[in-house]
Amino acid sequence: MSSPVTVYTAQKIITMDPALPEATAVAVRDGSILAAGSLDDLEPWLQGRHYELVRDFEGQVFLPGLIDPHLHPFMAAAMIMTDMITAFEWQLPWATIKSVRGKEAYMAELRRIEQAKSDPSEPLISWGYHPFWHGAVDRADLDAVSASRPIVVWHRSAHQMFLNTAALQRWKLTEEEARSHSCVDYVAGHYWESGMIELAAAKLAPYIFDRTRYLAGVARARDVVAFGGITTIAEMSFGITDPDLEWLGPQVVLDRDDVPFRTFFVADAKTPTMKLGAAQALAWADALPQRNTHRLRFGRHIKFFADGAFYSLGMRIGGAGYIDGHQGEWMTPLPLFEQLATTFWNSGYQIHVHTNGDEGLEMVLRTLQMLQDAKPRIDHRFTIEHFGYSTNEQTRKLARLGAVVSANPYYMFEMGDDYLQRTLGRDRTREMMRIGSVARAGVPLALHSDFAMAPAQPLRLAQIAITRRTADGAQLAENERLTLDQALRAITVDAAFMLGLENEIGSVTSGKRADFTVLAEDPYATDPDSLADIPIWGTIFEGKPFSRP
């Protein structure tokens, strides 16, 4: 006996398949798409079969299930369990976090949170700080809030931390070990990039990733993903801290029938290599697909880090550099980067590289050229992750070398206005995120949130990519805008391509997973400035409806 068939009808089904761009009905069997078109088009599949016709969505519009190909449920689980203080409003399923601007207001909010805690020994950890909007903060400022309660201010980029004296003492962060590390200012209580990762975050991990706290954070991250209408996510640095703990949250919280999305994992290369050596790190990565379940999945993908973060101004900038003269940071020394790249390239992995500055990107492109010269590969999909600032010449190199780009357009929204005044100058700020040039060069392009670096809301990312408007309404480099169709492809079918999943998800096509995001309005008939305001009913994941949290 054949499996039952469900037919969903809608006002419009946007397929992202140019051969049949629109439909009004789709037939689903065993979680996959049988056919799409009109009800008449589906008749051959339905004739003589028992099927259920679901007309509940006839006033709504289906998109292929939205994809966020780069976020971090593990790290987000920690951030969203903190006392968040942010410069921009965040709408979350359980609360709206109001914006706080200025140092006086920021310190007042820290004091309010500290005084509201009944347990005097409970640490105060707050994520969302950025000096552009909250002023300079150091250990002395935090000691003034409390000399006894451990306080940790976690930078908006997640690549820096500021700790008060009580926090340094609680987590045994010593001046002696700080002297041996270039990314620590112990007097200021400031740990950044590798100093934060290898020292501060490593010692805080048992607290911020306490099992109960961590699982509650993963549950919140799950609700954030569903809230954004997303049906596939990619965790883009598995194993960067504690592989066993990082696997626990998805196993317990995300590998369930009531979770309306799947999680694709890309492993971090640097951490296991530093601990085990390159050969053992490769063996570890090779074994990860043995853990695969229906909703949790590894492929032959690996993640490297080149230069520092965009939000923390740790990215490496070439040419005239930064206005204030600082250089940014390398997150992986060049010899190690080349060793990692060679090891995993020669083993057939798709490589994803975190890089933000044009100097960082130049190093990455030189490495890719070296790899291609030594062992040419076709359709390697070497992926530039984030793509903060680049040159026009580098865009052409991307196309020539066969690379693809996964960009975070939210940088423009939050950072564009202040960058104009403080860091790179007006000309280079306007040119950040050259995604229009990427699209014109024929380079496959995806958009991601890097949640919690940006809200996990693909329609919002698409809106920013189309309009290139900052939070203050300025428009950056009009010629670098994406078209509406390019932006929607970048959160559906092209995002699937970047993950190597284009045969399974990303478009409403026979044989693919029956994943749909259900919208109240047609994005093709909406003002691009209002794209993010389209109400999302929820999703249909593998043929089953799930309303938005």
Protein backbone atom coordinates (compact mmCIF):
# COMPACT_ATOMS: atom_id res chain seq x y z
CA MET A 1 0.00 0.00 0.00
CA SER A 2 1.36 3.43 -0.95
CA SER A 3 1.86 6.09 1.72
CA PRO A 4 -0.90 8.68 2.20
CA VAL A 5 -0.71 11.92 0.26
CA THR A 6 -1.43 15.41 1.60
CA VAL A 7 -2.22 18.25 -0.76
CA TYR A 8 -1.75 21.82 0.43
CA THR A 9 -3.31 24.70 -1.46
CA ALA A 10 -2.21 28.31 -1.10
CA GLN A 11 -2.85 31.70 -2.61
CA LYS A 12 0.60 31.37 -4.17
CA ILE A 13 3.53 28.99 -3.87
CA ILE A 14 6.85 30.59 -4.82
CA THR A 15 8.96 27.66 -5.98
CA MET A 16 12.36 29.30 -6.73
CA ASP A 17 12.41 26.98 -9.75
CA PRO A 18 12.55 29.05 -12.98
CA ALA A 19 10.85 26.29 -14.99
CA LEU A 20 7.73 26.62 -12.81
CA PRO A 21 8.16 29.79 -10.72
CA GLU A 22 4.65 29.75 -9.17
CA ALA A 23 2.09 27.19 -8.11
CA THR A 24 -1.10 27.06 -6.08
CA ALA A 25 -0.98 23.46 -4.84
CA VAL A 26 1.67 21.02 -3.72
CA ALA A 27 1.35 17.29 -3.04
CA VAL A 28 3.39 15.76 -0.23
CA ARG A 29 4.15 12.11 0.59
CA ASP A 30 6.49 10.77 3.28
CA GLY A 31 7.80 14.26 3.99
CA SER A 32 8.81 14.92 0.39
CA ILE A 33 7.28 16.80 -2.52
CA LEU A 34 5.47 14.68 -5.11
CA ALA A 35 4.49 17.51 -7.42
CA ALA A 36 3.60 21.20 -7.52
CA GLY A 37 1.35 23.21 -9.80
CA SER A 38 -2.42 23.65 -9.87
CA LEU A 39 -4.86 21.09 -8.50
CA ASP A 40 -5.45 20.05 -12.10
CA ASP A 41 -1.72 19.54 -12.58
CA LEU A 42 -1.67 17.21 -9.57
CA GLU A 43 -4.57 15.09 -10.79
CA PRO A 44 -2.42 12.24 -12.23
CA TRP A 45 -0.83 11.77 -8.81
CA LEU A 46 -4.18 11.82 -7.02
CA GLN A 47 -6.38 9.79 -9.31
CA GLY A 48 -7.41 6.54 -7.65
CA ARG A 49 -5.50 7.38 -4.45
CA HIS A 50 -6.75 8.42 -1.04
CA TYR A 51 -5.42 11.88 -0.21
CA GLU A 52 -6.10 14.69 2.25
CA LEU A 53 -6.75 18.13 0.82
CA VAL A 54 -5.70 20.88 3.24
CA ARG A 55 -7.17 24.28 2.37
CA ASP A 56 -6.15 26.02 5.61
CA PHE A 57 -3.53 28.15 3.83
CA GLU A 58 -5.44 29.32 0.78
CA GLY A 59 -5.12 32.96 1.83
CA GLN A 60 -1.37 32.68 2.42
CA VAL A 61 1.86 32.42 0.45
CA PHE A 62 4.43 29.63 0.58
CA LEU A 63 8.17 30.13 0.14
CA PRO A 64 10.61 27.22 0.14
CA GLY A 65 11.58 26.66 3.76
CA LEU A 66 13.96 29.45 4.74
CA ILE A 67 17.58 28.51 5.40
CA ASP A 68 20.07 30.15 7.75
CA PRO A 69 23.38 28.60 6.68
CA HIS A 70 25.53 30.05 9.44
CA LEU A 71 24.56 30.47 13.07
CA HIS A 72 25.64 29.11 16.44
CA PRO A 73 22.98 27.47 18.63
CA PHE A 74 25.71 26.45 21.09
CA MET A 75 27.10 29.96 21.58
CA ALA A 76 23.68 31.59 21.28
CA ALA A 77 22.47 29.32 24.07
CA ALA A 78 24.98 31.04 26.34
CA MET A 79 24.37 34.59 25.11
CA ILE A 80 20.58 34.56 25.33
CA MET A 81 20.70 33.19 28.87
CA THR A 82 22.62 36.28 30.01
CA ASP A 83 21.22 39.63 31.12
CA MET A 84 21.21 41.13 27.63
CA ILE A 85 21.87 44.85 27.18
CA THR A 86 21.89 45.86 23.53
CA ALA A 87 22.04 49.08 21.55
CA PHE A 88 19.28 47.94 19.20
CA GLU A 89 15.89 46.48 19.99
CA TRP A 90 15.63 42.69 19.70
CA GLN A 91 12.30 40.97 19.27
CA LEU A 92 12.56 37.48 20.72
CA PRO A 93 9.77 34.93 21.13
CA TRP A 94 9.67 35.42 24.90
CA ALA A 95 10.55 39.12 25.26
CA THR A 96 11.46 42.35 23.52
CA ILE A 97 14.88 43.65 24.57
CA LYS A 98 14.77 47.45 24.52
CA SER A 99 17.71 49.45 23.20
CA VAL A 100 20.16 51.14 25.57
CA ARG A 101 22.54 53.86 24.31
CA GLY A 102 25.29 55.84 26.02
CA LYS A 103 27.69 54.90 28.81
CA GLU A 104 25.61 56.48 31.56
CA ALA A 105 22.52 54.54 30.51
CA TYR A 106 24.53 51.35 30.06
CA MET A 107 26.11 51.53 33.52
CA ALA A 108 22.74 52.40 35.06
CA GLU A 109 21.24 49.28 33.47
CA LEU A 110 24.10 47.14 34.77
CA ARG A 111 23.54 48.54 38.27
CA ARG A 112 19.80 47.93 38.03
CA ILE A 113 20.37 44.30 37.04
CA GLU A 114 22.98 43.82 39.78
CA GLN A 115 20.72 45.24 42.48
CA ALA A 116 17.80 43.07 41.34
CA LYS A 117 19.72 39.83 41.95
CA SER A 118 18.80 38.35 45.31
CA ASP A 119 21.74 35.94 45.56
CA PRO A 120 24.88 38.02 46.28
CA SER A 121 27.15 35.29 44.86
CA GLU A 122 25.33 34.91 41.52
CA PRO A 123 27.51 36.17 38.65
CA LEU A 124 26.19 38.91 36.40
CA ILE A 125 26.99 38.13 32.78
CA SER A 126 25.68 40.52 30.15
CA TRP A 127 26.00 40.10 26.40
CA GLY A 128 25.48 42.90 23.87
CA TYR A 129 28.00 45.57 24.89
CA HIS A 130 29.72 47.65 22.23
CA PRO A 131 31.87 50.75 22.89
CA PHE A 132 30.41 52.61 19.88
CA TRP A 133 27.07 52.79 21.63
CA HIS A 134 27.93 52.15 25.29
CA GLY A 135 31.23 53.95 25.78
CA ALA A 136 34.54 52.51 26.97
CA VAL A 137 34.20 50.05 29.87
CA ASP A 138 36.98 48.45 31.90
CA ARG A 139 37.59 46.56 35.12
CA ALA A 140 37.41 49.71 37.26
CA ASP A 141 33.96 50.58 35.88
CA LEU A 142 32.69 47.10 36.67
CA ASP A 143 34.25 47.11 40.14
CA ALA A 144 32.26 50.29 40.79
CA VAL A 145 29.05 48.37 40.05
CA SER A 146 30.04 45.65 42.51
CA ALA A 147 33.29 44.81 44.27
CA SER A 148 31.98 41.40 45.39
CA ARG A 149 29.73 40.06 42.65
CA PRO A 150 31.53 38.61 39.61
CA ILE A 151 30.60 40.71 36.56
CA VAL A 152 31.37 39.79 32.97
CA VAL A 153 30.54 42.11 30.08
CA TRP A 154 30.48 40.07 26.88
CA HIS A 155 31.10 42.11 23.76
CA ARG A 156 28.48 42.23 21.00
CA SER A 157 30.91 40.37 18.72
CA ALA A 158 31.30 37.50 21.23
CA HIS A 159 35.04 37.90 20.58
CA GLN A 160 35.80 40.03 23.68
CA MET A 161 35.07 40.00 27.41
CA PHE A 162 35.57 42.54 30.21
CA LEU A 163 35.73 41.19 33.78
CA ASN A 164 35.73 42.87 37.17
CA THR A 165 38.14 41.88 39.91
CA ALA A 166 35.67 39.50 41.54
CA ALA A 167 35.20 37.69 38.22
CA LEU A 168 38.95 37.40 37.63
CA GLN A 169 39.32 35.90 41.09
CA ARG A 170 36.35 33.55 40.83
CA TRP A 171 37.53 32.04 37.57
CA LYS A 172 41.23 32.11 38.53
CA LEU A 173 42.34 34.32 35.67
CA THR A 174 45.80 35.42 36.76
CA GLU A 175 48.10 38.26 35.79
CA GLU A 176 50.91 35.77 35.29
CA GLU A 177 49.13 33.80 32.54
CA ALA A 178 47.89 37.07 30.99
CA ARG A 179 51.49 38.24 30.50
CA SER A 180 52.11 35.37 28.10
CA HIS A 181 49.21 36.30 25.84
CA SER A 182 49.11 39.23 23.42
CA CYS A 183 45.28 39.50 23.43
CA VAL A 184 44.85 40.36 27.12
CA ASP A 185 44.96 43.65 29.06
CA TYR A 186 44.80 42.34 32.62
CA VAL A 187 44.68 45.76 34.28
CA ALA A 188 41.57 46.61 32.25
CA GLY A 189 40.13 43.11 32.69
CA HIS A 190 39.96 42.92 28.90
CA TYR A 191 40.28 39.62 26.99
CA TRP A 192 39.82 39.56 23.20
CA GLU A 193 40.05 37.18 20.23
CA SER A 194 42.37 34.25 21.06
CA GLY A 195 42.91 35.63 24.57
CA MET A 196 39.19 35.42 25.24
CA ILE A 197 38.76 32.02 23.61
CA GLU A 198 41.81 30.33 25.14
CA LEU A 199 41.73 31.92 28.60
CA ALA A 200 38.56 33.72 29.72
CA ALA A 201 35.92 31.73 27.84
CA ALA A 202 37.68 28.45 28.59
CA LYS A 203 37.55 29.11 32.34
CA LEU A 204 33.98 30.48 32.30
CA ALA A 205 32.71 27.54 30.25
CA PRO A 206 31.75 25.27 33.20
CA TYR A 207 29.47 28.04 34.49
CA ILE A 208 27.95 29.44 31.31
CA PHE A 209 27.53 25.94 29.90
CA ASP A 210 26.24 24.34 33.08
CA ARG A 211 23.96 21.53 31.84
CA THR A 212 20.67 22.97 33.08
CA ARG A 213 21.49 26.49 31.96
CA TYR A 214 22.82 25.29 28.62
CA LEU A 215 19.82 23.13 27.74
CA ALA A 216 17.47 25.99 28.61
CA GLY A 217 19.52 28.20 26.29
CA VAL A 218 19.34 25.68 23.43
CA ALA A 219 15.56 25.54 23.91
CA ARG A 220 15.44 29.32 23.56
CA ALA A 221 17.63 29.14 20.45
CA ARG A 222 15.20 26.54 19.04
CA ASP A 223 12.31 28.95 19.51
CA VAL A 224 14.28 31.77 17.87
CA VAL A 225 14.87 29.65 14.77
CA ALA A 226 11.21 28.66 14.52
CA PHE A 227 10.19 32.30 15.11
CA GLY A 228 12.18 33.28 12.01
CA GLY A 229 10.34 30.80 9.78
CA ILE A 230 13.52 28.75 9.26
CA THR A 231 13.47 25.05 8.37
CA THR A 232 17.23 24.38 8.02
CA ILE A 233 20.13 25.82 9.99
CA ALA A 234 23.87 25.20 9.95
CA GLU A 235 25.93 25.23 13.15
CA MET A 236 29.12 26.68 11.70
CA SER A 237 31.80 25.77 14.28
CA PHE A 238 30.99 22.48 15.96
CA GLY A 239 33.61 21.39 18.46
CA ILE A 240 35.17 24.79 19.01
CA THR A 241 34.88 24.46 22.81
CA ASP A 242 33.63 21.09 24.06
CA PRO A 243 32.36 18.64 21.41
CA ASP A 244 30.55 16.41 23.90
CA LEU A 245 28.67 19.30 25.47
CA GLU A 246 27.99 20.90 22.09
CA TRP A 247 26.44 17.64 20.91
CA LEU A 248 24.37 17.19 24.08
CA GLY A 249 22.11 20.21 23.46
CA PRO A 250 21.09 19.24 19.92
CA GLN A 251 20.58 15.61 20.97
CA VAL A 252 18.31 16.49 23.88
CA VAL A 253 16.52 19.57 22.52
CA LEU A 254 16.68 19.58 18.71
CA ASP A 255 16.45 15.91 17.75
CA ARG A 256 12.70 15.67 18.41
CA ASP A 257 9.60 15.26 16.28
CA ASP A 258 8.18 18.56 17.56
CA VAL A 259 11.18 20.59 16.29
CA PRO A 260 10.31 22.14 12.89
CA PHE A 261 13.82 22.34 11.43
CA ARG A 262 16.94 20.29 10.79
CA THR A 263 20.47 21.18 11.90
CA PHE A 264 23.50 20.73 9.66
CA PHE A 265 26.86 20.79 11.46
CA VAL A 266 30.19 22.12 10.19
CA ALA A 267 33.12 21.22 12.43
CA ASP A 268 35.81 23.60 13.60
CA ALA A 269 39.31 22.58 12.46
CA LYS A 270 41.64 24.67 14.63
CA THR A 271 40.64 23.48 18.10
CA PRO A 272 40.99 19.72 17.48
CA THR A 273 44.22 20.31 15.51
CA MET A 274 45.74 22.28 18.40
CA LYS A 275 44.74 19.51 20.82
CA LEU A 276 45.33 16.39 18.73
CA GLY A 277 47.47 17.30 15.73
CA ALA A 278 46.37 17.52 12.10
CA ALA A 279 46.11 13.77 11.39
CA GLN A 280 44.00 13.08 14.47
CA ALA A 281 41.83 16.14 13.86
CA LEU A 282 41.10 14.84 10.37
CA ALA A 283 40.21 11.41 11.77
CA TRP A 284 37.90 13.08 14.31
CA ALA A 285 36.13 15.04 11.58
CA ASP A 286 35.90 11.94 9.36
CA ALA A 287 34.06 10.11 12.15
CA LEU A 288 31.46 12.81 12.87
CA PRO A 289 28.89 11.63 10.25
CA GLN A 290 28.52 8.43 12.29
CA ARG A 291 26.45 10.55 14.70
CA ASN A 292 23.91 11.55 12.03
CA THR A 293 20.22 11.30 12.77
CA HIS A 294 17.24 12.44 10.74
CA ARG A 295 17.32 16.00 12.12
CA LEU A 296 21.01 16.29 13.05
CA ARG A 297 23.57 15.85 10.31
CA PHE A 298 27.26 16.22 9.53
CA GLY A 299 28.76 16.32 6.04
CA ARG A 300 32.29 16.69 4.72
CA HIS A 301 32.49 20.36 5.66
CA ILE A 302 35.10 22.08 7.85
CA LYS A 303 35.47 25.60 9.29
CA PHE A 304 38.59 27.76 9.67
CA PHE A 305 39.14 31.24 11.11
CA ALA A 306 41.33 33.80 9.32
CA ASP A 307 41.10 37.31 10.82
CA GLY A 308 39.10 38.80 13.67
CA ALA A 309 35.48 39.86 14.04
CA PHE A 310 33.67 42.71 12.33
CA TYR A 311 31.88 43.97 15.43
CA SER A 312 35.08 44.00 17.49
CA LEU A 313 37.12 45.65 14.71
CA GLY A 314 39.45 42.68 14.86
CA MET A 315 39.30 42.15 11.09
CA ARG A 316 42.50 42.74 9.18
CA ILE A 317 42.27 45.79 6.91
CA GLY A 318 44.77 46.42 4.12
CA GLY A 319 45.58 49.55 2.12
CA ALA A 320 45.15 52.66 4.27
CA GLY A 321 44.13 50.51 7.23
CA TYR A 322 42.03 51.82 10.09
CA ILE A 323 41.80 55.54 10.77
CA ASP A 324 43.12 55.06 14.32
CA GLY A 325 46.08 53.00 13.11
CA HIS A 326 45.29 49.66 14.74
CA GLN A 327 45.70 46.55 12.58
CA GLY A 328 43.18 43.95 13.70
CA GLU A 329 44.04 40.38 14.63
CA TRP A 330 44.86 37.11 12.94
CA MET A 331 42.85 34.32 14.56
CA THR A 332 44.98 31.58 13.01
CA PRO A 333 48.71 32.00 12.28
CA LEU A 334 49.45 31.64 8.57
CA PRO A 335 51.55 28.44 8.86
CA LEU A 336 48.78 26.72 10.81
CA PHE A 337 46.12 28.07 8.45
CA GLU A 338 47.95 26.64 5.44
CA GLN A 339 48.45 23.32 7.23
CA LEU A 340 44.75 23.07 8.04
CA ALA A 341 43.75 24.08 4.54
CA THR A 342 46.06 21.57 2.88
CA THR A 343 45.02 18.71 5.16
CA PHE A 344 41.29 19.12 4.64
CA TRP A 345 41.44 20.22 0.99
CA ASN A 346 43.42 17.14 0.04
CA SER A 347 40.84 15.01 1.87
CA GLY A 348 37.98 16.42 -0.20
CA TYR A 349 36.31 18.63 2.41
CA GLN A 350 34.31 21.73 1.58
CA ILE A 351 36.14 24.49 3.43
CA HIS A 352 34.37 27.42 5.10
CA VAL A 353 36.54 30.35 6.24
CA HIS A 354 35.54 33.08 8.68
CA THR A 355 37.07 36.24 7.23
CA ASN A 356 35.98 39.86 7.47
CA GLY A 357 38.69 42.27 6.31
CA ASP A 358 40.20 42.68 2.87
CA GLU A 359 43.67 41.79 4.15
CA GLY A 360 42.19 38.67 5.72
CA LEU A 361 40.40 37.83 2.48
CA GLU A 362 43.59 38.34 0.46
CA MET A 363 45.41 35.79 2.62
CA VAL A 364 42.52 33.35 2.21
CA LEU A 365 42.42 33.78 -1.57
CA ARG A 366 46.20 33.24 -1.80
CA THR A 367 45.73 30.04 0.15
CA LEU A 368 42.93 28.91 -2.14
CA GLN A 369 45.15 29.60 -5.17
CA MET A 370 47.91 27.55 -3.55
CA LEU A 371 45.52 24.66 -2.98
CA GLN A 372 44.23 24.76 -6.54
CA ASP A 373 47.76 24.88 -7.93
CA ALA A 374 48.85 21.87 -5.88
CA LYS A 375 45.70 19.75 -6.23
CA PRO A 376 43.01 21.17 -8.55
CA ARG A 377 39.42 20.50 -7.58
CA ILE A 378 36.19 21.17 -9.47
CA ASP A 379 33.03 22.33 -7.65
CA HIS A 380 34.88 22.66 -4.35
CA ARG A 381 32.58 25.46 -3.06
CA PHE A 382 35.29 26.97 -0.88
CA THR A 383 33.12 29.38 1.14
CA ILE A 384 33.96 32.85 2.39
CA GLU A 385 31.95 33.30 5.59
CA HIS A 386 30.86 36.86 6.57
CA PHE A 387 32.65 38.78 3.78
CA GLY A 388 32.68 42.06 5.69
CA TYR A 389 35.01 44.26 3.66
CA SER A 390 36.66 43.42 0.33
CA THR A 391 37.99 45.06 -2.80
CA ASN A 392 36.53 44.91 -6.28
CA GLU A 393 39.60 42.99 -7.46
CA GLN A 394 38.99 40.34 -4.83
CA THR A 395 35.42 39.86 -6.04
CA ARG A 396 36.82 38.97 -9.47
CA LYS A 397 39.30 36.55 -7.87
CA LEU A 398 36.45 34.82 -6.04
CA ALA A 399 34.78 34.07 -9.34
CA ARG A 400 37.99 32.95 -11.03
CA LEU A 401 38.89 30.58 -8.18
CA GLY A 402 35.41 29.06 -7.93
CA ALA A 403 34.70 30.26 -4.39
CA VAL A 404 31.24 31.00 -2.99
CA VAL A 405 30.15 33.63 -0.45
CA SER A 406 27.95 33.46 2.64
CA ALA A 407 27.50 37.05 3.80
CA ASN A 408 26.02 38.73 6.86
CA PRO A 409 24.27 41.91 5.59
CA TYR A 410 23.22 42.89 9.10
CA TYR A 411 26.67 44.42 9.54
CA MET A 412 25.47 47.27 7.31
CA PHE A 413 22.38 47.91 9.41
CA GLU A 414 24.05 48.15 12.81
CA MET A 415 27.55 49.24 11.97
CA GLY A 416 27.25 51.34 8.80
CA ASP A 417 26.52 54.68 10.46
CA ASP A 418 29.31 54.57 13.03
CA TYR A 419 31.82 53.13 10.59
CA LEU A 420 31.23 56.21 8.43
CA GLN A 421 32.58 58.39 11.22
CA ARG A 422 35.06 56.35 13.19
CA THR A 423 36.92 53.52 11.55
CA LEU A 424 37.30 53.17 7.80
CA GLY A 425 36.09 56.47 6.39
CA ARG A 426 33.04 57.16 4.26
CA ASP A 427 34.25 55.67 0.98
CA ARG A 428 35.23 52.26 2.32
CA THR A 429 32.26 52.08 4.67
CA ARG A 430 29.85 52.49 1.78
CA GLU A 431 31.60 49.60 0.06
CA MET A 432 31.32 47.07 2.89
CA MET A 433 29.48 43.90 1.91
CA ARG A 434 30.01 44.01 -1.88
CA ILE A 435 27.26 41.49 -2.47
CA GLY A 436 25.90 43.19 -5.57
CA SER A 437 29.30 42.75 -7.21
CA VAL A 438 29.38 39.14 -6.05
CA ALA A 439 26.04 38.45 -7.69
CA ARG A 440 27.05 40.20 -10.92
CA ALA A 441 30.24 38.13 -11.06
CA GLY A 442 28.16 34.96 -10.97
CA VAL A 443 29.51 33.89 -7.58
CA PRO A 444 26.92 31.83 -5.66
CA LEU A 445 25.73 33.87 -2.68
CA ALA A 446 23.95 33.03 0.56
CA LEU A 447 22.84 35.29 3.43
CA HIS A 448 23.21 34.29 7.06
CA SER A 449 22.61 35.74 10.52
CA ASP A 450 25.54 34.30 12.49
CA PHE A 451 22.98 34.38 15.33
CA ALA A 452 23.40 35.86 17.85
CA MET A 453 25.41 38.39 15.80
CA ALA A 454 22.17 39.24 14.00
CA PRO A 455 18.55 38.22 14.51
CA ALA A 456 17.83 34.81 12.96
CA GLN A 457 15.28 36.34 10.60
CA PRO A 458 16.12 35.64 6.94
CA LEU A 459 13.49 38.03 5.60
CA ARG A 460 15.14 40.84 7.55
CA LEU A 461 18.53 39.90 6.14
CA ALA A 462 17.05 39.91 2.64
CA GLN A 463 15.52 43.35 3.21
CA ILE A 464 18.86 44.82 4.27
CA ALA A 465 20.61 43.23 1.28
CA ILE A 466 18.02 44.76 -1.08
CA THR A 467 17.88 48.25 0.46
CA ARG A 468 21.37 48.55 2.01
CA ARG A 469 19.89 50.90 4.58
CA THR A 470 21.52 51.47 7.96
CA ALA A 471 19.71 51.84 11.26
CA ASP A 472 19.68 55.62 10.73
CA GLY A 473 18.28 55.27 7.21
CA ALA A 474 21.44 55.98 5.21
CA GLN A 475 21.94 53.95 2.05
CA LEU A 476 25.35 52.40 1.43
CA ALA A 477 26.59 51.91 -2.15
CA GLU A 478 23.32 51.67 -4.05
CA ASN A 479 25.04 49.67 -6.81
CA GLU A 480 25.81 46.89 -4.32
CA ARG A 481 22.13 46.16 -3.64
CA LEU A 482 20.70 42.75 -4.44
CA THR A 483 17.50 42.42 -6.41
CA LEU A 484 14.51 40.97 -4.60
CA ASP A 485 14.88 37.71 -6.50
CA GLN A 486 18.60 37.46 -5.72
CA ALA A 487 17.97 38.10 -2.02
CA LEU A 488 15.20 35.49 -1.78
CA ARG A 489 17.38 32.95 -3.60
CA ALA A 490 20.16 33.72 -1.08
CA ILE A 491 17.96 32.52 1.81
CA THR A 492 16.51 29.52 -0.03
CA VAL A 493 17.94 27.69 -3.04
CA ASP A 494 21.37 29.38 -3.09
CA ALA A 495 21.81 28.86 0.65
CA ALA A 496 21.05 25.17 0.04
CA PHE A 497 23.74 25.12 -2.67
CA MET A 498 26.29 26.61 -0.28
CA LEU A 499 25.65 23.73 2.14
CA GLY A 500 25.73 21.11 -0.62
CA LEU A 501 22.05 20.36 0.02
CA GLU A 502 20.59 21.72 -3.22
CA ASN A 503 19.23 18.30 -4.19
CA GLU A 504 17.24 18.08 -0.95
CA ILE A 505 16.01 21.55 0.02
CA GLY A 506 15.79 25.15 -1.19
CA SER A 507 13.06 25.01 -3.83
CA VAL A 508 9.57 23.55 -4.24
CA THR A 509 10.54 20.77 -6.62
CA SER A 510 9.51 17.14 -6.94
CA GLY A 511 11.67 14.89 -4.78
CA LYS A 512 12.86 17.56 -2.35
CA ARG A 513 11.85 17.83 1.27
CA ALA A 514 8.41 19.33 1.80
CA ASP A 515 9.66 22.40 3.67
CA PHE A 516 7.67 25.63 3.31
CA THR A 517 7.64 28.96 5.13
CA VAL A 518 4.06 30.24 5.34
CA LEU A 519 3.70 34.01 4.88
CA ALA A 520 0.70 36.32 5.12
CA GLU A 521 1.80 38.34 2.07
CA ASP A 522 3.60 37.83 -1.24
CA PRO A 523 7.19 39.14 -0.93
CA TYR A 524 7.24 39.86 -4.67
CA ALA A 525 4.31 42.24 -4.20
CA THR A 526 5.72 43.95 -1.09
CA ASP A 527 7.74 47.15 -0.78
CA PRO A 528 11.33 45.94 -0.13
CA ASP A 529 11.53 48.31 2.84
CA SER A 530 8.71 46.28 4.44
CA LEU A 531 9.91 42.78 3.59
CA ALA A 532 10.84 42.00 7.20
CA ASP A 533 7.37 43.10 8.35
CA ILE A 534 5.55 40.34 6.45
CA PRO A 535 3.80 38.26 9.12
CA ILE A 536 5.01 34.66 9.32
CA TRP A 537 2.35 32.12 10.22
CA GLY A 538 4.91 29.40 10.73
CA THR A 539 6.32 26.57 8.68
CA ILE A 540 5.49 23.25 7.13
CA PHE A 541 8.44 21.00 7.85
CA GLU A 542 8.63 17.74 5.93
CA GLY A 543 4.92 17.99 5.28
CA LYS A 544 3.79 18.78 8.86
CA PRO A 545 2.50 22.26 9.84
CA PHE A 546 4.09 24.08 12.79
CA SER A 547 2.73 27.45 13.89
CA ARG A 548 5.19 30.16 14.92
CA PRO A 549 6.16 30.22 18.65
